[in-house]
Amino acid sequence: MRPQILVYLLFTLTACGQTKDNSQKGTGIPKIDTTQKQTKNMSDYSPTFDKAHPKAKALLTEDFYFSPIDETGPFGNDDGADTYAGFKDWRTTHSNNDPADFLFDQINEWGYPKFDIYETDINKLTPYLKESDLSSRYMSGIDAAIISIAFGQFYLEGTIYKSFKETALIAIKRQLIPEILSLWGDTYKIERELKLNKMLAVLNQVH
């Protein structure tokens, strides 16, 4: 084979390997890759049922809770996976801190435009959603981070900081608002609604 052809094939394979899907699976929401490279083995940052706290095992009985690719699962989307990895490291030296401290640091690091994370009134959220074409993506990402932290703490410790649990309940309810749910497409929103309600039920059982 000619050297020129070998070079061309190498270039093509490399380019293909670097191509990323710019939209979330099954949705029309653009994906922003915020994944941070971890120095430890990446498996350390992938929650599994076997490694879960006993209290978490009792409630997180479905596969989607631990899926690395389920967009609605707490750890399966980019923002959720990234947040859990950072939260796990942070928690080793901040075991008594409010997880909200980590959340706000994470949002600042990402540079996502902020909104009132305690708001579920679509009329009050609409101005934020209209700020740019990516506003719904930013809101989805921040809510995913909140959910990931709540379920991450439950996974690791078998409990959730009381005030942060309430923040997570609000985040899930916000994602269940029909106008926001519809952004995920007619087909996927049905599955998403089902899983969000299951996560809502789990959080309501955590003490």
N, C-alpha and C. Protein backbone atom coordinates (compact mmCIF):
# COMPACT_ATOMS: atom_id res chain seq x y z
N MET A 1 0.85 -1.20 0.00
CA MET A 1 0.00 0.00 0.00
C MET A 1 0.88 1.24 0.00
N ARG A 2 0.47 2.24 -0.79
CA ARG A 2 1.27 3.44 -0.92
C ARG A 2 1.32 4.22 0.39
N PRO A 3 2.43 4.89 0.66
CA PRO A 3 2.55 5.70 1.88
C PRO A 3 1.47 6.77 1.96
N GLN A 4 1.10 7.35 0.79
CA GLN A 4 0.09 8.40 0.81
C GLN A 4 -1.26 7.87 1.29
N ILE A 5 -1.57 6.63 0.87
CA ILE A 5 -2.85 6.02 1.28
C ILE A 5 -2.85 5.73 2.76
N LEU A 6 -1.70 5.24 3.27
CA LEU A 6 -1.60 4.96 4.71
C LEU A 6 -1.81 6.22 5.53
N VAL A 7 -1.21 7.30 5.09
CA VAL A 7 -1.37 8.57 5.79
C VAL A 7 -2.82 9.02 5.78
N TYR A 8 -3.46 8.87 4.62
CA TYR A 8 -4.87 9.27 4.50
C TYR A 8 -5.76 8.46 5.44
N LEU A 9 -5.54 7.13 5.47
CA LEU A 9 -6.34 6.28 6.34
C LEU A 9 -6.14 6.63 7.80
N LEU A 10 -4.89 6.89 8.19
CA LEU A 10 -4.60 7.24 9.57
C LEU A 10 -5.31 8.53 9.96
N PHE A 11 -5.27 9.51 9.04
CA PHE A 11 -5.94 10.78 9.31
C PHE A 11 -7.45 10.60 9.45
N THR A 12 -8.04 9.77 8.57
CA THR A 12 -9.48 9.52 8.60
C THR A 12 -9.91 8.87 9.89
N LEU A 13 -9.15 7.83 10.32
CA LEU A 13 -9.49 7.12 11.56
C LEU A 13 -9.36 8.03 12.76
N THR A 14 -8.35 8.85 12.77
CA THR A 14 -8.16 9.77 13.88
C THR A 14 -9.30 10.77 13.97
N ALA A 15 -9.69 11.31 12.83
CA ALA A 15 -10.79 12.29 12.79
C ALA A 15 -12.08 11.67 13.27
N CYS A 16 -12.34 10.43 12.85
CA CYS A 16 -13.56 9.74 13.26
C CYS A 16 -13.56 9.50 14.76
N GLY A 17 -12.43 9.17 15.29
CA GLY A 17 -12.32 8.89 16.71
C GLY A 17 -12.55 10.11 17.56
N GLN A 18 -12.35 11.30 16.98
CA GLN A 18 -12.51 12.52 17.75
C GLN A 18 -13.88 13.14 17.59
N THR A 19 -14.70 12.61 16.68
CA THR A 19 -16.02 13.17 16.44
C THR A 19 -16.96 12.84 17.58
N LYS A 20 -17.69 13.84 18.04
CA LYS A 20 -18.64 13.63 19.12
C LYS A 20 -20.02 14.06 18.66
N ASP A 21 -21.03 13.36 19.22
CA ASP A 21 -22.41 13.72 18.96
C ASP A 21 -22.72 15.02 19.70
N ASN A 22 -23.25 16.00 18.99
CA ASN A 22 -23.49 17.30 19.60
C ASN A 22 -24.89 17.46 20.16
N SER A 23 -25.64 16.38 20.23
CA SER A 23 -26.96 16.49 20.84
C SER A 23 -27.18 15.33 21.78
N GLN A 24 -27.99 15.55 22.83
CA GLN A 24 -28.25 14.50 23.79
C GLN A 24 -29.10 13.42 23.12
N LYS A 25 -28.87 12.19 23.56
CA LYS A 25 -29.56 11.05 22.95
C LYS A 25 -31.06 11.21 23.05
N GLY A 26 -31.73 11.11 21.89
CA GLY A 26 -33.17 11.14 21.87
C GLY A 26 -33.76 12.52 22.12
N THR A 27 -32.96 13.57 22.13
CA THR A 27 -33.47 14.90 22.42
C THR A 27 -32.97 15.89 21.39
N GLY A 28 -33.55 17.06 21.45
CA GLY A 28 -33.08 18.15 20.59
C GLY A 28 -32.22 19.12 21.35
N ILE A 29 -31.79 18.73 22.57
CA ILE A 29 -31.03 19.63 23.42
C ILE A 29 -29.54 19.47 23.13
N PRO A 30 -28.85 20.53 22.71
CA PRO A 30 -27.41 20.43 22.42
C PRO A 30 -26.64 19.97 23.64
N LYS A 31 -25.62 19.15 23.43
CA LYS A 31 -24.79 18.64 24.53
C LYS A 31 -23.51 19.45 24.64
N ILE A 32 -23.18 19.80 25.87
CA ILE A 32 -21.93 20.49 26.14
C ILE A 32 -21.06 19.54 26.96
N ASP A 33 -19.90 19.20 26.46
CA ASP A 33 -19.01 18.27 27.15
C ASP A 33 -18.26 18.99 28.25
N THR A 34 -18.62 18.69 29.51
CA THR A 34 -17.96 19.32 30.65
C THR A 34 -17.13 18.32 31.42
N THR A 35 -16.94 17.13 30.87
CA THR A 35 -16.26 16.06 31.57
C THR A 35 -14.84 16.46 31.96
N GLN A 36 -14.51 16.28 33.22
CA GLN A 36 -13.17 16.56 33.71
C GLN A 36 -12.38 15.26 33.74
N LYS A 37 -11.11 15.32 33.37
CA LYS A 37 -10.27 14.13 33.41
C LYS A 37 -9.87 13.84 34.86
N GLN A 38 -10.13 12.64 35.30
CA GLN A 38 -9.79 12.25 36.66
C GLN A 38 -8.44 11.55 36.68
N THR A 39 -7.70 11.74 37.76
CA THR A 39 -6.38 11.14 37.86
C THR A 39 -6.46 9.68 38.30
N LYS A 40 -7.55 9.32 38.94
CA LYS A 40 -7.74 7.94 39.39
C LYS A 40 -8.38 7.12 38.29
N ASN A 41 -8.47 5.82 38.52
CA ASN A 41 -9.15 4.94 37.58
C ASN A 41 -10.59 5.40 37.44
N MET A 42 -11.07 5.55 36.20
CA MET A 42 -12.41 6.07 36.00
C MET A 42 -13.48 5.18 36.61
N SER A 43 -13.19 3.88 36.82
CA SER A 43 -14.16 3.00 37.43
C SER A 43 -14.48 3.43 38.86
N ASP A 44 -13.55 4.18 39.48
CA ASP A 44 -13.79 4.68 40.83
C ASP A 44 -14.93 5.69 40.85
N TYR A 45 -15.25 6.25 39.70
CA TYR A 45 -16.27 7.29 39.61
C TYR A 45 -17.53 6.79 38.93
N SER A 46 -17.68 5.48 38.81
CA SER A 46 -18.87 4.90 38.18
C SER A 46 -19.66 4.13 39.22
N PRO A 47 -20.70 4.71 39.78
CA PRO A 47 -21.50 4.03 40.79
C PRO A 47 -22.05 2.69 40.29
N THR A 48 -21.97 1.68 41.12
CA THR A 48 -22.53 0.37 40.81
C THR A 48 -23.37 -0.10 41.98
N PHE A 49 -24.32 -0.95 41.70
CA PHE A 49 -25.20 -1.46 42.75
C PHE A 49 -24.39 -2.17 43.83
N ASP A 50 -23.40 -2.93 43.43
CA ASP A 50 -22.63 -3.72 44.39
C ASP A 50 -21.89 -2.85 45.41
N LYS A 51 -21.48 -1.64 44.99
CA LYS A 51 -20.71 -0.77 45.87
C LYS A 51 -21.58 0.23 46.63
N ALA A 52 -22.88 0.20 46.40
CA ALA A 52 -23.77 1.17 47.02
C ALA A 52 -23.95 0.92 48.51
N HIS A 53 -24.24 1.98 49.24
CA HIS A 53 -24.56 1.87 50.66
C HIS A 53 -25.78 0.95 50.80
N PRO A 54 -25.85 0.14 51.85
CA PRO A 54 -27.00 -0.77 52.01
C PRO A 54 -28.36 -0.08 51.92
N LYS A 55 -28.48 1.14 52.45
CA LYS A 55 -29.76 1.84 52.36
C LYS A 55 -30.07 2.22 50.92
N ALA A 56 -29.05 2.53 50.15
CA ALA A 56 -29.24 2.86 48.74
C ALA A 56 -29.65 1.60 47.96
N LYS A 57 -29.03 0.48 48.29
CA LYS A 57 -29.39 -0.77 47.61
C LYS A 57 -30.87 -1.11 47.80
N ALA A 58 -31.40 -0.76 48.95
CA ALA A 58 -32.79 -1.09 49.25
C ALA A 58 -33.77 -0.31 48.39
N LEU A 59 -33.37 0.88 47.92
CA LEU A 59 -34.29 1.72 47.15
C LEU A 59 -33.92 1.86 45.68
N LEU A 60 -32.63 1.80 45.37
CA LEU A 60 -32.20 1.97 43.98
C LEU A 60 -32.11 0.60 43.32
N THR A 61 -33.25 0.04 43.03
CA THR A 61 -33.32 -1.35 42.58
C THR A 61 -33.40 -1.51 41.06
N GLU A 62 -33.47 -0.40 40.33
CA GLU A 62 -33.55 -0.49 38.87
C GLU A 62 -32.23 -0.11 38.23
N ASP A 63 -31.96 -0.70 37.08
CA ASP A 63 -30.67 -0.52 36.41
C ASP A 63 -30.38 0.94 36.04
N PHE A 64 -31.40 1.71 35.72
CA PHE A 64 -31.14 3.06 35.22
C PHE A 64 -30.46 3.95 36.26
N TYR A 65 -30.61 3.62 37.54
CA TYR A 65 -29.96 4.42 38.58
C TYR A 65 -28.43 4.35 38.46
N PHE A 66 -27.92 3.26 37.92
CA PHE A 66 -26.47 3.08 37.84
C PHE A 66 -25.96 3.08 36.39
N SER A 67 -26.84 3.36 35.46
CA SER A 67 -26.44 3.35 34.05
C SER A 67 -25.50 4.52 33.75
N PRO A 68 -24.41 4.24 33.00
CA PRO A 68 -23.49 5.31 32.61
C PRO A 68 -23.93 6.03 31.34
N ILE A 69 -25.05 5.61 30.74
CA ILE A 69 -25.49 6.20 29.47
C ILE A 69 -26.96 6.64 29.47
N ASP A 70 -27.68 6.41 30.55
CA ASP A 70 -29.08 6.81 30.60
C ASP A 70 -29.17 8.30 30.89
N GLU A 71 -29.70 9.09 29.96
CA GLU A 71 -29.73 10.54 30.09
C GLU A 71 -30.52 11.02 31.31
N THR A 72 -31.53 10.26 31.72
CA THR A 72 -32.34 10.66 32.86
C THR A 72 -31.79 10.12 34.16
N GLY A 73 -31.05 9.02 34.11
CA GLY A 73 -30.44 8.46 35.31
C GLY A 73 -29.55 9.49 36.00
N PRO A 74 -29.37 9.39 37.32
CA PRO A 74 -28.59 10.39 38.05
C PRO A 74 -27.13 10.49 37.64
N PHE A 75 -26.57 9.41 37.08
CA PHE A 75 -25.15 9.43 36.73
C PHE A 75 -24.90 9.16 35.24
N GLY A 76 -25.97 9.09 34.43
CA GLY A 76 -25.82 8.66 33.04
C GLY A 76 -25.64 9.76 32.02
N ASN A 77 -25.84 11.01 32.43
CA ASN A 77 -25.64 12.13 31.50
C ASN A 77 -24.31 12.81 31.81
N ASP A 78 -23.81 13.60 30.89
CA ASP A 78 -22.50 14.23 31.04
C ASP A 78 -22.38 15.06 32.31
N ASP A 79 -23.37 15.92 32.55
CA ASP A 79 -23.31 16.78 33.73
C ASP A 79 -23.41 15.97 35.02
N GLY A 80 -24.27 14.96 35.02
CA GLY A 80 -24.41 14.13 36.20
C GLY A 80 -23.16 13.32 36.52
N ALA A 81 -22.56 12.74 35.49
CA ALA A 81 -21.35 11.93 35.68
C ALA A 81 -20.19 12.80 36.16
N ASP A 82 -20.05 13.96 35.53
CA ASP A 82 -18.98 14.89 35.89
C ASP A 82 -19.15 15.38 37.32
N THR A 83 -20.40 15.70 37.67
CA THR A 83 -20.69 16.20 39.01
C THR A 83 -20.41 15.14 40.07
N TYR A 84 -20.84 13.92 39.81
CA TYR A 84 -20.61 12.86 40.81
C TYR A 84 -19.12 12.65 41.05
N ALA A 85 -18.33 12.64 39.98
CA ALA A 85 -16.89 12.44 40.12
C ALA A 85 -16.27 13.53 41.00
N GLY A 86 -16.67 14.77 40.74
CA GLY A 86 -16.13 15.87 41.54
C GLY A 86 -16.64 15.83 42.97
N PHE A 87 -17.92 15.51 43.13
CA PHE A 87 -18.51 15.45 44.47
C PHE A 87 -17.87 14.36 45.31
N LYS A 88 -17.60 13.22 44.71
CA LYS A 88 -16.98 12.10 45.44
C LYS A 88 -15.62 12.53 46.00
N ASP A 89 -14.83 13.21 45.19
CA ASP A 89 -13.53 13.69 45.66
C ASP A 89 -13.70 14.76 46.74
N TRP A 90 -14.59 15.70 46.49
CA TRP A 90 -14.83 16.81 47.42
C TRP A 90 -15.29 16.30 48.78
N ARG A 91 -16.11 15.27 48.76
CA ARG A 91 -16.71 14.76 50.00
C ARG A 91 -15.66 14.19 50.96
N THR A 92 -14.54 13.73 50.45
CA THR A 92 -13.52 13.13 51.32
C THR A 92 -12.94 14.14 52.29
N THR A 93 -12.99 15.43 51.93
CA THR A 93 -12.46 16.47 52.82
C THR A 93 -13.54 17.46 53.28
N HIS A 94 -14.79 17.20 52.90
CA HIS A 94 -15.89 18.09 53.29
C HIS A 94 -17.09 17.25 53.74
N SER A 95 -16.83 16.27 54.56
CA SER A 95 -17.89 15.32 54.94
C SER A 95 -19.02 15.96 55.74
N ASN A 96 -18.78 17.08 56.37
CA ASN A 96 -19.82 17.73 57.17
C ASN A 96 -20.42 18.96 56.50
N ASN A 97 -19.97 19.24 55.29
CA ASN A 97 -20.46 20.44 54.59
C ASN A 97 -21.78 20.18 53.87
N ASP A 98 -22.51 21.25 53.66
CA ASP A 98 -23.73 21.20 52.86
C ASP A 98 -23.32 20.94 51.41
N PRO A 99 -23.87 19.90 50.77
CA PRO A 99 -23.54 19.62 49.36
C PRO A 99 -23.81 20.80 48.43
N ALA A 100 -24.65 21.74 48.87
CA ALA A 100 -24.92 22.92 48.05
C ALA A 100 -23.65 23.73 47.81
N ASP A 101 -22.71 23.67 48.77
CA ASP A 101 -21.44 24.38 48.59
C ASP A 101 -20.72 23.87 47.35
N PHE A 102 -20.73 22.54 47.18
CA PHE A 102 -20.08 21.97 46.00
C PHE A 102 -20.86 22.31 44.74
N LEU A 103 -22.18 22.27 44.82
CA LEU A 103 -23.01 22.57 43.65
C LEU A 103 -22.70 23.95 43.10
N PHE A 104 -22.67 24.95 43.95
CA PHE A 104 -22.45 26.32 43.48
C PHE A 104 -21.05 26.49 42.91
N ASP A 105 -20.07 25.80 43.51
CA ASP A 105 -18.71 25.84 42.96
C ASP A 105 -18.69 25.22 41.56
N GLN A 106 -19.44 24.13 41.41
CA GLN A 106 -19.49 23.43 40.13
C GLN A 106 -20.13 24.31 39.05
N ILE A 107 -21.24 24.95 39.39
CA ILE A 107 -21.92 25.82 38.43
C ILE A 107 -21.01 26.97 38.00
N ASN A 108 -20.30 27.54 38.98
CA ASN A 108 -19.37 28.63 38.67
C ASN A 108 -18.24 28.15 37.76
N GLU A 109 -17.74 26.94 38.02
CA GLU A 109 -16.66 26.40 37.21
C GLU A 109 -17.12 26.17 35.78
N TRP A 110 -18.33 25.67 35.61
CA TRP A 110 -18.87 25.46 34.27
C TRP A 110 -19.14 26.77 33.56
N GLY A 111 -19.48 27.81 34.32
CA GLY A 111 -19.84 29.08 33.71
C GLY A 111 -21.27 29.10 33.20
N TYR A 112 -22.12 28.19 33.71
CA TYR A 112 -23.52 28.19 33.28
C TYR A 112 -24.24 29.40 33.86
N PRO A 113 -25.06 30.08 33.07
CA PRO A 113 -25.86 31.19 33.60
C PRO A 113 -26.79 30.67 34.70
N LYS A 114 -26.88 31.41 35.78
CA LYS A 114 -27.65 30.95 36.94
C LYS A 114 -29.13 31.34 36.83
N PHE A 115 -29.96 30.57 37.50
CA PHE A 115 -31.37 30.89 37.64
C PHE A 115 -31.77 30.50 39.07
N ASP A 116 -32.98 30.81 39.46
CA ASP A 116 -33.45 30.48 40.80
C ASP A 116 -33.72 28.98 40.89
N ILE A 117 -32.83 28.24 41.53
CA ILE A 117 -32.95 26.77 41.57
C ILE A 117 -34.08 26.31 42.49
N TYR A 118 -34.73 27.24 43.16
CA TYR A 118 -35.85 26.88 44.04
C TYR A 118 -37.20 27.22 43.40
N GLU A 119 -37.16 27.57 42.13
CA GLU A 119 -38.37 27.99 41.41
C GLU A 119 -38.93 26.87 40.55
N THR A 120 -40.26 26.69 40.58
CA THR A 120 -40.92 25.70 39.72
C THR A 120 -42.08 26.31 38.93
N ASP A 121 -42.23 27.61 39.00
CA ASP A 121 -43.28 28.30 38.26
C ASP A 121 -42.75 28.59 36.85
N ILE A 122 -43.34 27.96 35.84
CA ILE A 122 -42.87 28.10 34.47
C ILE A 122 -42.92 29.56 34.00
N ASN A 123 -43.86 30.33 34.51
CA ASN A 123 -43.96 31.73 34.12
C ASN A 123 -42.75 32.53 34.59
N LYS A 124 -42.22 32.16 35.75
CA LYS A 124 -41.05 32.84 36.28
C LYS A 124 -39.75 32.29 35.68
N LEU A 125 -39.80 31.06 35.19
CA LEU A 125 -38.62 30.44 34.57
C LEU A 125 -38.49 30.81 33.09
N THR A 126 -39.60 31.18 32.47
CA THR A 126 -39.61 31.46 31.03
C THR A 126 -38.62 32.54 30.59
N PRO A 127 -38.49 33.65 31.33
CA PRO A 127 -37.51 34.66 30.91
C PRO A 127 -36.10 34.09 30.80
N TYR A 128 -35.73 33.20 31.73
CA TYR A 128 -34.41 32.56 31.67
C TYR A 128 -34.32 31.67 30.43
N LEU A 129 -35.36 30.89 30.20
CA LEU A 129 -35.35 29.96 29.07
C LEU A 129 -35.27 30.68 27.72
N LYS A 130 -35.71 31.94 27.69
CA LYS A 130 -35.70 32.70 26.45
C LYS A 130 -34.42 33.50 26.23
N GLU A 131 -33.50 33.44 27.21
CA GLU A 131 -32.28 34.24 27.10
C GLU A 131 -31.40 33.82 25.92
N SER A 132 -31.35 32.52 25.64
CA SER A 132 -30.55 32.04 24.51
C SER A 132 -31.05 30.67 24.07
N ASP A 133 -30.55 30.19 22.95
CA ASP A 133 -30.93 28.87 22.45
C ASP A 133 -30.44 27.76 23.36
N LEU A 134 -29.45 28.06 24.20
CA LEU A 134 -28.88 27.05 25.09
C LEU A 134 -29.43 27.11 26.51
N SER A 135 -30.34 28.02 26.77
CA SER A 135 -30.83 28.19 28.14
C SER A 135 -31.46 26.92 28.71
N SER A 136 -32.23 26.22 27.88
CA SER A 136 -32.84 24.98 28.37
C SER A 136 -31.77 23.94 28.67
N ARG A 137 -30.70 23.97 27.88
CA ARG A 137 -29.58 23.06 28.11
C ARG A 137 -28.90 23.37 29.44
N TYR A 138 -28.70 24.67 29.72
CA TYR A 138 -28.08 25.06 30.98
C TYR A 138 -28.95 24.66 32.17
N MET A 139 -30.25 24.88 32.06
CA MET A 139 -31.15 24.51 33.14
C MET A 139 -31.14 23.00 33.36
N SER A 140 -31.20 22.26 32.26
CA SER A 140 -31.15 20.81 32.34
C SER A 140 -29.86 20.34 33.00
N GLY A 141 -28.74 20.98 32.64
CA GLY A 141 -27.45 20.59 33.19
C GLY A 141 -27.34 20.87 34.68
N ILE A 142 -27.85 22.03 35.11
CA ILE A 142 -27.81 22.37 36.54
C ILE A 142 -28.71 21.43 37.33
N ASP A 143 -29.89 21.13 36.80
CA ASP A 143 -30.78 20.19 37.48
C ASP A 143 -30.15 18.79 37.54
N ALA A 144 -29.47 18.40 36.48
CA ALA A 144 -28.80 17.10 36.47
C ALA A 144 -27.71 17.06 37.54
N ALA A 145 -27.02 18.17 37.73
CA ALA A 145 -25.99 18.24 38.76
C ALA A 145 -26.59 18.10 40.15
N ILE A 146 -27.71 18.79 40.38
CA ILE A 146 -28.39 18.70 41.67
C ILE A 146 -28.81 17.26 41.96
N ILE A 147 -29.44 16.64 40.97
CA ILE A 147 -29.91 15.26 41.14
C ILE A 147 -28.74 14.30 41.37
N SER A 148 -27.66 14.51 40.64
CA SER A 148 -26.48 13.66 40.79
C SER A 148 -25.88 13.76 42.19
N ILE A 149 -25.81 14.97 42.72
CA ILE A 149 -25.26 15.15 44.07
C ILE A 149 -26.13 14.47 45.11
N ALA A 150 -27.45 14.66 45.00
CA ALA A 150 -28.36 14.04 45.97
C ALA A 150 -28.26 12.53 45.94
N PHE A 151 -28.34 11.96 44.74
CA PHE A 151 -28.25 10.51 44.64
C PHE A 151 -26.83 10.03 44.91
N GLY A 152 -25.85 10.86 44.61
CA GLY A 152 -24.47 10.51 44.91
C GLY A 152 -24.23 10.39 46.40
N GLN A 153 -24.76 11.34 47.17
CA GLN A 153 -24.60 11.26 48.62
C GLN A 153 -25.36 10.05 49.17
N PHE A 154 -26.54 9.81 48.65
CA PHE A 154 -27.30 8.64 49.09
C PHE A 154 -26.55 7.36 48.78
N TYR A 155 -25.98 7.29 47.59
CA TYR A 155 -25.20 6.13 47.17
C TYR A 155 -24.00 5.91 48.09
N LEU A 156 -23.31 6.98 48.43
CA LEU A 156 -22.09 6.87 49.23
C LEU A 156 -22.36 6.72 50.72
N GLU A 157 -23.39 7.43 51.23
CA GLU A 157 -23.57 7.54 52.67
C GLU A 157 -24.89 7.00 53.20
N GLY A 158 -25.81 6.70 52.31
CA GLY A 158 -27.10 6.17 52.75
C GLY A 158 -28.04 7.23 53.28
N THR A 159 -27.70 8.48 53.06
CA THR A 159 -28.53 9.59 53.51
C THR A 159 -28.33 10.78 52.58
N ILE A 160 -29.16 11.81 52.74
CA ILE A 160 -29.02 13.03 51.95
C ILE A 160 -29.20 14.22 52.89
N TYR A 161 -28.30 15.16 52.81
CA TYR A 161 -28.40 16.38 53.61
C TYR A 161 -29.81 16.94 53.45
N LYS A 162 -30.48 17.21 54.55
CA LYS A 162 -31.92 17.52 54.52
C LYS A 162 -32.29 18.64 53.57
N SER A 163 -31.62 19.77 53.67
CA SER A 163 -31.98 20.90 52.81
C SER A 163 -31.67 20.62 51.35
N PHE A 164 -30.62 19.83 51.12
CA PHE A 164 -30.27 19.53 49.73
C PHE A 164 -31.25 18.53 49.13
N LYS A 165 -31.78 17.65 49.95
CA LYS A 165 -32.81 16.74 49.46
C LYS A 165 -33.99 17.54 48.93
N GLU A 166 -34.37 18.60 49.64
CA GLU A 166 -35.46 19.44 49.19
C GLU A 166 -35.11 20.13 47.87
N THR A 167 -33.85 20.52 47.72
CA THR A 167 -33.40 21.14 46.46
C THR A 167 -33.52 20.16 45.31
N ALA A 168 -33.17 18.89 45.58
CA ALA A 168 -33.26 17.86 44.54
C ALA A 168 -34.71 17.57 44.17
N LEU A 169 -35.59 17.56 45.16
CA LEU A 169 -37.01 17.35 44.87
C LEU A 169 -37.53 18.46 43.96
N ILE A 170 -37.10 19.69 44.22
CA ILE A 170 -37.51 20.82 43.39
C ILE A 170 -36.96 20.67 41.97
N ALA A 171 -35.70 20.24 41.86
CA ALA A 171 -35.08 20.08 40.53
C ALA A 171 -35.84 19.06 39.70
N ILE A 172 -36.24 17.96 40.32
CA ILE A 172 -36.99 16.93 39.59
C ILE A 172 -38.37 17.46 39.19
N LYS A 173 -39.02 18.14 40.13
CA LYS A 173 -40.34 18.71 39.81
C LYS A 173 -40.24 19.74 38.69
N ARG A 174 -39.14 20.48 38.67
CA ARG A 174 -38.95 21.47 37.60
C ARG A 174 -38.81 20.76 36.25
N GLN A 175 -38.06 19.65 36.23
CA GLN A 175 -37.89 18.91 34.98
C GLN A 175 -39.18 18.20 34.55
N LEU A 176 -40.12 18.07 35.49
CA LEU A 176 -41.41 17.46 35.17
C LEU A 176 -42.44 18.47 34.67
N ILE A 177 -42.10 19.76 34.71
CA ILE A 177 -43.00 20.77 34.17
C ILE A 177 -43.25 20.44 32.68
N PRO A 178 -44.50 20.35 32.25
CA PRO A 178 -44.80 19.94 30.87
C PRO A 178 -44.01 20.69 29.80
N GLU A 179 -43.86 22.00 29.97
CA GLU A 179 -43.16 22.79 28.96
C GLU A 179 -41.68 22.41 28.88
N ILE A 180 -41.10 22.03 29.99
CA ILE A 180 -39.69 21.62 30.01
C ILE A 180 -39.55 20.17 29.56
N LEU A 181 -40.47 19.34 30.01
CA LEU A 181 -40.45 17.93 29.62
C LEU A 181 -40.60 17.78 28.11
N SER A 182 -41.40 18.65 27.49
CA SER A 182 -41.65 18.55 26.05
C SER A 182 -40.39 18.83 25.22
N LEU A 183 -39.40 19.49 25.82
CA LEU A 183 -38.16 19.79 25.10
C LEU A 183 -37.37 18.54 24.77
N TRP A 184 -37.71 17.42 25.41
CA TRP A 184 -36.99 16.16 25.20
C TRP A 184 -37.56 15.32 24.07
N GLY A 185 -38.58 15.82 23.39
CA GLY A 185 -39.14 15.09 22.26
C GLY A 185 -40.32 14.24 22.67
N ASP A 186 -41.25 14.07 21.76
CA ASP A 186 -42.49 13.36 22.06
C ASP A 186 -42.27 11.92 22.50
N THR A 187 -41.27 11.26 21.94
CA THR A 187 -41.03 9.85 22.29
C THR A 187 -40.32 9.70 23.62
N TYR A 188 -39.20 10.39 23.76
CA TYR A 188 -38.38 10.19 24.96
C TYR A 188 -38.99 10.80 26.22
N LYS A 189 -39.82 11.83 26.07
CA LYS A 189 -40.35 12.50 27.26
C LYS A 189 -41.22 11.56 28.09
N ILE A 190 -41.81 10.56 27.46
CA ILE A 190 -42.64 9.59 28.20
C ILE A 190 -41.76 8.76 29.14
N GLU A 191 -40.65 8.27 28.60
CA GLU A 191 -39.71 7.50 29.41
C GLU A 191 -39.09 8.38 30.49
N ARG A 192 -38.74 9.60 30.13
CA ARG A 192 -38.12 10.51 31.09
C ARG A 192 -39.08 10.83 32.25
N GLU A 193 -40.32 11.10 31.92
CA GLU A 193 -41.31 11.40 32.96
C GLU A 193 -41.45 10.24 33.94
N LEU A 194 -41.47 9.02 33.41
CA LEU A 194 -41.60 7.83 34.25
C LEU A 194 -40.42 7.72 35.23
N LYS A 195 -39.21 7.91 34.71
CA LYS A 195 -38.02 7.77 35.55
C LYS A 195 -37.88 8.92 36.55
N LEU A 196 -38.23 10.11 36.13
CA LEU A 196 -38.19 11.25 37.06
C LEU A 196 -39.14 11.02 38.23
N ASN A 197 -40.31 10.48 37.95
CA ASN A 197 -41.27 10.20 39.02
C ASN A 197 -40.78 9.10 39.94
N LYS A 198 -40.05 8.14 39.39
CA LYS A 198 -39.48 7.09 40.23
C LYS A 198 -38.40 7.66 41.16
N MET A 199 -37.59 8.58 40.64
CA MET A 199 -36.57 9.21 41.46
C MET A 199 -37.21 10.10 42.54
N LEU A 200 -38.29 10.74 42.18
CA LEU A 200 -39.03 11.55 43.13
C LEU A 200 -39.53 10.69 44.29
N ALA A 201 -40.05 9.52 43.96
CA ALA A 201 -40.56 8.61 44.98
C ALA A 201 -39.44 8.12 45.89
N VAL A 202 -38.26 7.83 45.32
CA VAL A 202 -37.13 7.39 46.12
C VAL A 202 -36.70 8.47 47.09
N LEU A 203 -36.54 9.69 46.60
CA LEU A 203 -36.12 10.79 47.47
C LEU A 203 -37.08 10.99 48.63
N ASN A 204 -38.35 10.81 48.39
CA ASN A 204 -39.35 10.98 49.45
C ASN A 204 -39.26 9.90 50.51
N GLN A 205 -38.53 8.83 50.21
CA GLN A 205 -38.36 7.76 51.20
C GLN A 205 -37.04 7.84 51.97
N VAL A 206 -36.17 8.76 51.53
CA VAL A 206 -34.87 8.89 52.18
C VAL A 206 -34.99 9.80 53.41
N HIS A 207 -34.43 9.34 54.52
CA HIS A 207 -34.49 10.12 55.77
C HIS A 207 -33.08 10.47 56.24
